[in-house]
Protein backbone atom coordinates (compact mmCIF):
# COMPACT_ATOMS: atom_id res chain seq x y z
CA MET A 1 -16.79 123.90 112.51
CA GLU A 2 -19.98 125.45 113.88
CA PHE A 3 -21.01 128.28 115.78
CA THR A 4 -24.04 130.47 116.76
CA ALA A 5 -24.13 134.36 116.28
CA SER A 6 -24.19 134.54 120.07
CA GLN A 7 -20.65 133.06 120.01
CA ILE A 8 -19.73 135.21 116.92
CA ALA A 9 -20.32 137.96 118.59
CA GLY A 10 -18.79 137.22 122.01
CA PHE A 11 -15.76 136.71 120.12
CA ILE A 12 -15.55 140.47 118.39
CA ASN A 13 -18.13 142.41 121.05
CA GLY A 14 -21.02 143.09 118.95
CA LYS A 15 -24.69 143.19 119.55
CA ILE A 16 -27.16 140.83 117.80
CA ILE A 17 -30.09 141.98 116.18
CA GLY A 18 -32.23 138.91 115.01
CA ASP A 19 -31.55 135.13 116.27
CA GLU A 20 -29.02 134.45 118.71
CA ASN A 21 -28.88 131.23 117.70
CA ALA A 22 -28.58 131.41 114.07
CA LEU A 23 -26.24 128.59 113.49
CA ILE A 24 -23.09 129.53 110.82
CA THR A 25 -21.06 126.50 109.43
CA GLY A 26 -19.00 128.49 106.96
CA VAL A 27 -18.04 131.80 105.29
CA SER A 28 -19.50 133.42 101.19
CA PRO A 29 -18.28 136.54 99.58
CA ILE A 30 -21.02 139.00 100.55
CA GLU A 31 -22.36 138.78 96.60
CA LYS A 32 -22.62 134.65 97.06
CA GLY A 33 -24.36 134.44 100.15
CA GLU A 34 -25.53 130.94 100.85
CA GLU A 35 -28.00 129.88 104.39
CA GLY A 36 -25.93 128.63 106.99
CA HIS A 37 -23.45 130.85 105.73
CA MET A 38 -22.02 133.87 107.31
CA SER A 39 -20.39 137.06 105.75
CA PHE A 40 -19.69 141.11 106.51
CA VAL A 41 -20.41 144.42 105.17
CA ALA A 42 -18.65 147.26 105.73
CA GLN A 43 -18.59 150.01 102.79
CA ASP A 44 -21.97 151.82 101.99
CA LYS A 45 -21.46 150.38 98.30
CA PHE A 46 -22.23 147.04 99.74
CA ALA A 47 -25.47 148.44 102.02
CA ASP A 48 -27.96 146.77 100.04
CA TYR A 49 -26.83 143.44 100.85
CA ILE A 50 -27.68 143.82 104.55
CA SER A 51 -31.25 143.43 103.38
CA THR A 52 -31.13 140.92 100.73
CA SER A 53 -28.14 138.72 101.59
CA LYS A 54 -28.94 134.75 101.78
CA CYS A 55 -26.24 134.82 104.33
CA SER A 56 -27.69 133.65 107.84
CA VAL A 57 -25.60 135.87 109.71
CA LEU A 58 -23.95 139.62 108.77
CA ILE A 59 -21.35 141.41 110.65
CA VAL A 60 -22.38 144.98 109.74
CA SER A 61 -20.84 148.21 110.74
CA GLU A 62 -23.12 150.37 112.73
CA LYS A 63 -23.02 153.49 110.65
CA LEU A 64 -24.86 151.09 108.00
CA LEU A 65 -27.77 150.27 110.13
CA THR A 66 -31.05 151.62 108.96
CA LYS A 67 -33.10 149.65 110.14
CA ASP A 68 -34.52 147.79 114.21
CA SER A 69 -34.84 144.75 111.91
CA TYR A 70 -33.56 142.49 108.94
CA ASN A 71 -33.96 139.15 107.12
CA PRO A 72 -30.66 138.02 108.38
CA THR A 73 -29.21 137.91 112.14
CA ILE A 74 -26.93 141.31 112.05
CA ILE A 75 -23.95 141.17 114.43
CA ALA A 76 -23.02 145.02 114.41
CA VAL A 77 -19.73 146.22 115.56
CA GLU A 78 -18.03 149.41 114.86
CA ASP A 79 -15.65 148.26 112.11
CA ALA A 80 -16.66 145.07 110.71
CA TYR A 81 -13.82 144.64 108.00
CA LEU A 82 -11.33 144.97 111.38
CA SER A 83 -13.84 142.46 112.94
CA PHE A 84 -14.13 139.61 110.34
CA GLN A 85 -10.12 139.88 110.13
CA VAL A 86 -9.95 138.97 113.84
CA LEU A 87 -12.86 136.18 113.51
CA MET A 88 -10.16 134.85 110.33
CA ASN A 89 -7.17 135.16 112.40
CA LEU A 90 -9.12 133.44 115.33
CA TYR A 91 -10.25 130.41 112.80
CA ALA A 92 -6.53 130.44 111.54
CA GLU A 93 -5.37 129.07 115.68
CA MET A 94 -7.90 126.74 115.61
CA GLN A 95 -6.69 124.70 112.61
CA GLY A 96 -3.68 124.06 114.80
CA ARG A 97 -0.16 123.83 114.22
CA LYS A 98 1.91 121.13 112.78
CA SER A 99 5.31 119.59 114.63
CA GLY A 100 7.81 117.41 114.93
CA ILE A 101 9.99 116.21 111.90
CA GLU A 102 8.69 114.05 108.83
CA SER A 103 11.18 111.17 107.71
CA ASN A 104 12.83 111.89 104.24
CA THR A 105 14.20 114.82 105.49
CA GLN A 106 18.17 115.88 105.99
CA ILE A 107 19.43 117.87 108.77
CA HIS A 108 23.28 118.67 109.50
CA GLU A 109 24.24 117.57 112.89
CA THR A 110 25.35 120.92 113.50
CA ALA A 111 22.04 122.43 112.75
CA ALA A 112 20.37 123.87 115.91
CA LEU A 113 16.67 123.86 116.17
CA GLY A 114 14.35 124.97 118.66
CA GLU A 115 11.76 123.42 120.70
CA GLU A 116 7.97 122.58 119.20
CA ILE A 117 8.98 123.13 115.50
CA TYR A 118 7.95 120.98 112.07
CA VAL A 119 10.13 120.51 109.38
CA GLY A 120 8.18 118.60 106.22
CA ALA A 121 9.80 115.91 104.29
CA PHE A 122 12.36 116.21 101.69
CA THR A 123 13.75 119.12 103.23
CA TYR A 124 17.46 120.14 103.86
CA ILE A 125 18.86 121.77 106.51
CA SER A 126 22.50 122.66 106.29
CA GLU A 127 25.43 122.87 108.80
CA LYS A 128 25.24 125.29 111.34
CA VAL A 129 21.82 126.36 110.50
CA LYS A 130 19.89 127.74 113.43
CA ILE A 131 16.00 127.94 113.64
CA GLY A 132 13.79 129.32 116.97
CA ALA A 133 11.22 127.54 118.90
CA GLY A 134 7.71 127.02 117.42
CA SER A 135 8.72 127.92 113.27
CA GLN A 136 7.31 125.81 110.86
CA ILE A 137 9.54 124.90 107.55
CA TYR A 138 7.45 123.11 105.29
CA PRO A 139 8.38 120.18 102.76
CA GLN A 140 11.17 120.57 99.90
CA VAL A 141 12.89 123.32 101.49
CA PHE A 142 16.50 124.18 101.04
CA ILE A 143 18.06 126.12 103.98
CA GLY A 144 21.73 127.12 103.41
CA LYS A 145 24.79 126.85 105.80
CA ASN A 146 24.76 129.18 108.36
CA VAL A 147 21.27 130.29 107.79
CA LYS A 148 19.47 131.92 110.94
CA ILE A 149 15.82 131.59 111.25
CA GLY A 150 13.99 133.01 114.41
CA LYS A 151 10.51 132.04 116.34
CA ASN A 152 7.64 131.42 114.99
CA CYS A 153 8.39 131.70 111.39
CA LYS A 154 6.49 129.71 108.17
CA ILE A 155 8.80 128.87 105.74
CA PHE A 156 6.31 127.26 102.86
CA SER A 157 7.21 124.84 100.50
CA GLY A 158 10.02 125.32 97.54
CA VAL A 159 11.65 127.87 99.19
CA ARG A 160 15.47 128.18 98.88
CA ILE A 161 17.40 130.29 101.57
CA TYR A 162 20.79 130.63 100.55
CA ASP A 163 24.33 130.92 102.77
CA TYR A 164 24.46 132.91 105.59
CA CYS A 165 20.73 134.67 105.26
CA VAL A 166 18.79 135.99 108.32
CA ILE A 167 15.30 135.58 109.01
CA GLY A 168 13.85 137.40 112.52
CA ASP A 169 11.07 136.35 114.23
CA ASN A 170 7.25 135.79 113.17
CA CYS A 171 8.29 135.81 109.28
CA ILE A 172 6.19 134.18 106.57
CA VAL A 173 7.83 132.88 102.99
CA HIS A 174 5.31 131.93 100.59
CA SER A 175 6.42 129.15 97.78
CA ASN A 176 9.22 128.91 95.60
CA THR A 177 11.07 132.36 96.89
CA VAL A 178 14.53 132.68 96.68
CA VAL A 179 16.11 134.39 99.63
CA GLY A 180 20.12 135.14 98.90
CA SER A 181 20.57 134.49 95.23
CA ASP A 182 23.39 136.28 93.45
CA GLY A 183 23.23 139.89 92.86
CA PHE A 184 23.22 140.65 88.99
CA GLY A 185 26.69 141.95 89.27
CA PHE A 186 29.51 141.53 85.96
CA GLN A 187 31.92 143.51 84.80
CA PRO A 188 32.29 144.47 81.15
CA SER A 189 35.22 143.50 79.12
CA GLN A 190 36.86 143.15 76.02
CA ASP A 191 36.01 139.60 76.04
CA GLY A 192 32.69 139.96 77.62
CA TYR A 193 31.40 139.94 81.01
CA SER A 194 33.11 139.11 84.06
CA LYS A 195 30.85 137.86 87.13
CA ILE A 196 31.89 139.55 90.24
CA PRO A 197 31.61 137.66 93.42
CA GLN A 198 27.98 138.38 95.70
CA LEU A 199 29.88 137.75 99.11
CA GLY A 200 27.41 139.46 101.03
CA ASN A 201 23.67 138.35 102.30
CA VAL A 202 19.98 138.91 103.09
CA VAL A 203 18.90 140.01 106.28
CA ILE A 204 14.78 139.84 106.92
CA GLU A 205 14.08 141.56 109.90
CA ASP A 206 11.14 140.58 112.06
CA ASP A 207 7.22 139.99 111.26
CA VAL A 208 8.07 140.41 107.35
CA GLU A 209 5.73 138.57 104.97
CA ILE A 210 7.10 137.47 101.62
CA GLY A 211 4.81 136.20 98.77
CA ALA A 212 5.45 133.24 96.11
CA ASN A 213 7.83 133.62 93.67
CA CYS A 214 10.26 136.23 94.90
CA THR A 215 14.00 137.09 94.48
CA ILE A 216 15.81 138.52 97.09
CA ASP A 217 19.52 139.05 96.19
CA ARG A 218 22.31 139.27 98.68
CA GLY A 219 24.56 142.03 99.09
CA THR A 220 27.68 142.22 96.44
CA ILE A 221 29.46 143.29 99.85
CA GLY A 222 27.08 143.73 103.48
CA SER A 223 23.54 143.00 103.43
CA THR A 224 20.05 143.42 101.31
CA VAL A 225 17.98 144.09 104.37
CA ILE A 226 14.35 144.16 104.71
CA GLY A 227 13.02 145.97 107.61
CA LYS A 228 10.55 144.80 110.27
CA GLY A 229 6.86 144.58 109.37
CA THR A 230 6.93 144.81 105.40
CA LYS A 231 4.65 143.22 103.21
CA ILE A 232 6.08 141.90 99.66
CA ASP A 233 3.47 140.39 97.34
CA ASN A 234 4.24 137.93 94.51
CA LEU A 235 6.56 137.97 91.79
CA ILE A 236 8.77 140.36 92.75
CA GLN A 237 12.42 140.94 92.39
CA ILE A 238 14.44 142.56 95.10
CA ALA A 239 17.90 143.43 93.60
CA HIS A 240 21.90 143.28 95.72
CA ASN A 241 22.53 145.87 98.35
CA VAL A 242 18.67 147.11 98.49
CA MET A 243 17.99 148.77 102.01
CA ILE A 244 13.70 148.45 102.68
CA GLY A 245 13.06 150.23 105.51
CA GLN A 246 9.93 149.39 107.70
CA HIS A 247 6.28 148.93 107.35
CA ASN A 248 6.41 148.88 103.48
CA VAL A 249 3.87 147.48 101.42
CA ILE A 250 5.09 146.44 98.08
CA ALA A 251 2.69 144.95 95.10
CA ALA A 252 3.01 142.38 92.94
CA GLN A 253 5.78 142.59 90.02
CA ALA A 254 7.43 145.53 90.92
CA GLY A 255 11.20 145.59 90.84
CA ILE A 256 13.69 147.27 92.89
CA ALA A 257 17.18 147.86 91.47
CA GLY A 258 20.46 147.43 93.19
CA SER A 259 21.48 149.89 96.24
CA ALA A 260 17.59 151.46 96.37
CA THR A 261 16.99 152.57 99.58
CA ILE A 262 14.00 153.00 100.74
CA GLY A 263 12.35 154.49 103.91
CA ASP A 264 9.31 153.70 106.03
CA TRP A 265 5.58 152.94 105.46
CA ASN A 266 5.91 153.49 101.76
CA GLN A 267 2.84 152.29 99.57
CA ILE A 268 4.24 150.74 96.29
CA GLY A 269 2.09 149.58 93.14
CA GLY A 270 2.03 147.06 91.30
CA GLN A 271 4.75 146.91 88.35
CA VAL A 272 6.40 149.62 89.79
CA GLY A 273 10.38 149.86 89.09
CA ILE A 274 12.83 151.72 90.81
CA VAL A 275 16.08 152.36 89.45
CA GLY A 276 19.33 151.94 91.19
CA HIS A 277 21.28 154.21 94.11
CA ILE A 278 17.96 156.13 94.36
CA LYS A 279 16.61 157.09 98.07
CA ILE A 280 12.79 157.26 98.37
CA GLY A 281 11.65 159.03 101.65
CA ASN A 282 8.92 157.74 103.95
CA GLN A 283 5.45 157.46 103.69
CA VAL A 284 5.48 157.80 99.71
CA LYS A 285 2.97 156.66 97.69
CA ILE A 286 3.98 155.39 93.65
CA GLN A 287 0.96 154.53 91.51
CA ALA A 288 1.06 150.82 89.68
CA GLN A 289 3.15 150.95 86.34
CA SER A 290 4.99 154.14 87.31
CA GLY A 291 9.28 154.09 86.67
CA VAL A 292 10.90 156.05 89.29
CA ASN A 293 14.42 157.02 88.08
CA SER A 294 15.59 160.15 90.79
CA SER A 295 14.89 160.19 94.48
CA VAL A 296 11.51 160.83 96.37
CA ASN A 297 11.06 163.26 99.16
CA ASP A 298 8.85 162.08 102.12
CA GLY A 299 5.24 162.20 101.83
CA GLU A 300 5.15 162.60 97.85
CA ILE A 301 2.40 160.49 95.35
CA LEU A 302 3.60 159.75 92.23
CA TYR A 303 2.16 158.44 88.98
CA GLY A 304 3.70 157.82 85.27
CA SER A 305 7.18 156.34 83.85
CA PRO A 306 9.32 158.74 84.65
CA ALA A 307 7.17 159.16 87.57
CA ILE A 308 5.77 162.87 88.40
CA SER A 309 3.81 164.17 90.72
CA ALA A 310 0.65 162.24 90.73
CA GLY A 311 -1.78 165.32 90.60
CA ASP A 312 0.38 166.38 87.63
CA PHE A 313 0.24 163.42 85.32
CA ARG A 314 -3.72 163.47 86.05
CA ARG A 315 -3.43 166.96 84.65
CA ASN A 316 -1.07 166.50 81.68
CA TYR A 317 -3.14 163.01 80.58
CA VAL A 318 -5.91 165.26 80.00
CA HIS A 319 -4.12 166.70 77.37
CA PHE A 320 -2.27 163.83 76.25
CA ARG A 321 -5.67 162.72 75.59
CA ASN A 322 -6.35 165.17 73.01
CA PHE A 323 -2.94 165.67 71.50
CA SER A 324 -3.77 164.68 68.26
CA GLU A 325 -6.55 167.25 68.42
CA ILE A 326 -4.20 169.71 70.07
CA VAL A 327 -1.62 169.17 66.94
CA LYS A 328 -4.49 169.50 64.41
CA ARG A 329 -5.35 173.21 65.81
CA ILE A 330 -1.74 174.18 65.88
CA ASP A 331 -0.90 173.39 62.10
CA ASN A 332 -4.51 175.06 61.51
CA LEU A 333 -3.22 178.18 63.70
CA GLU A 334 0.48 178.09 61.82
CA THR A 335 -1.47 177.56 58.14
CA ASN A 336 -3.75 180.39 59.23
CA SER A 337 -0.92 182.62 60.06
CA LYS A 338 1.45 182.02 57.05
CA ASP A 339 -1.74 182.66 55.15
CA GLN A 340 -2.70 186.22 56.43
CA THR A 341 1.03 187.11 56.30
CA ASN A 342 0.90 186.48 52.34
CA GLU A 343 -2.14 188.62 51.95
């Protein structure tokens, strides 16, 4: 597709500095600008690119502009990052939506499919499944019996959704994620471990996005719940009966053990481990690779394993790096003290 700087400015209510007819045929990272391409500058650390970039057009936050003219054509906006996000969403919409049911699918006669949906080849849709209007089910997806999927969802190739799970409206589930697998429930005995039946389901509320290769276990009894607006990265394990509130973000390789409860608007870093049966409050920030083994109050910032206040961790870490030297000093003090005592 081709656009002029003037057309782009119209989409984001920007002010043009330079050639309004500059033609855009692609997009580049700001560090690798190309003629005919567009990029954006939203932070001070990239401000030098405003004058040096080879891009034909740059979307720039107004606060970073210091001159009346530049080599690239500038589209000045209040927040370049948000404006660029608007353009990316518009571009995605222009790509169009797939529709219709491809050949080599198997759809049970009792399944109810909404209007304008897409079902890709080699997908299996079981009995009494309900899929809302506008949803897109890509090739090689398995959907178990009595599953409910809302409107305008995207379920990408290779996803497996087990029986009785519920997915709300406007959700995205990326490839090879498993929703509703059995929780890790076993009863130890003299003969080994007996499996505890996992009879619950998974409930995913509206506007949730789940990355690739995640596993979300069904409840033993009741539901594992992912709250509205939560965003889950790739390679994440969520165990049985976990309750995750609204608008959380969880980075890659985090693991949340069974029956943990997580509130709203939390930020959980990569490779964080959270033990079972504890409660995380609201607006908590947990730094990457932290291990959380006790309940957390609202608004805390945690770091370390076991996780403690991030401020305490950083102060203690200064001493930890010098721990060998501190031990030597203590040994010297003890030796000197003994020598003085002997005298």
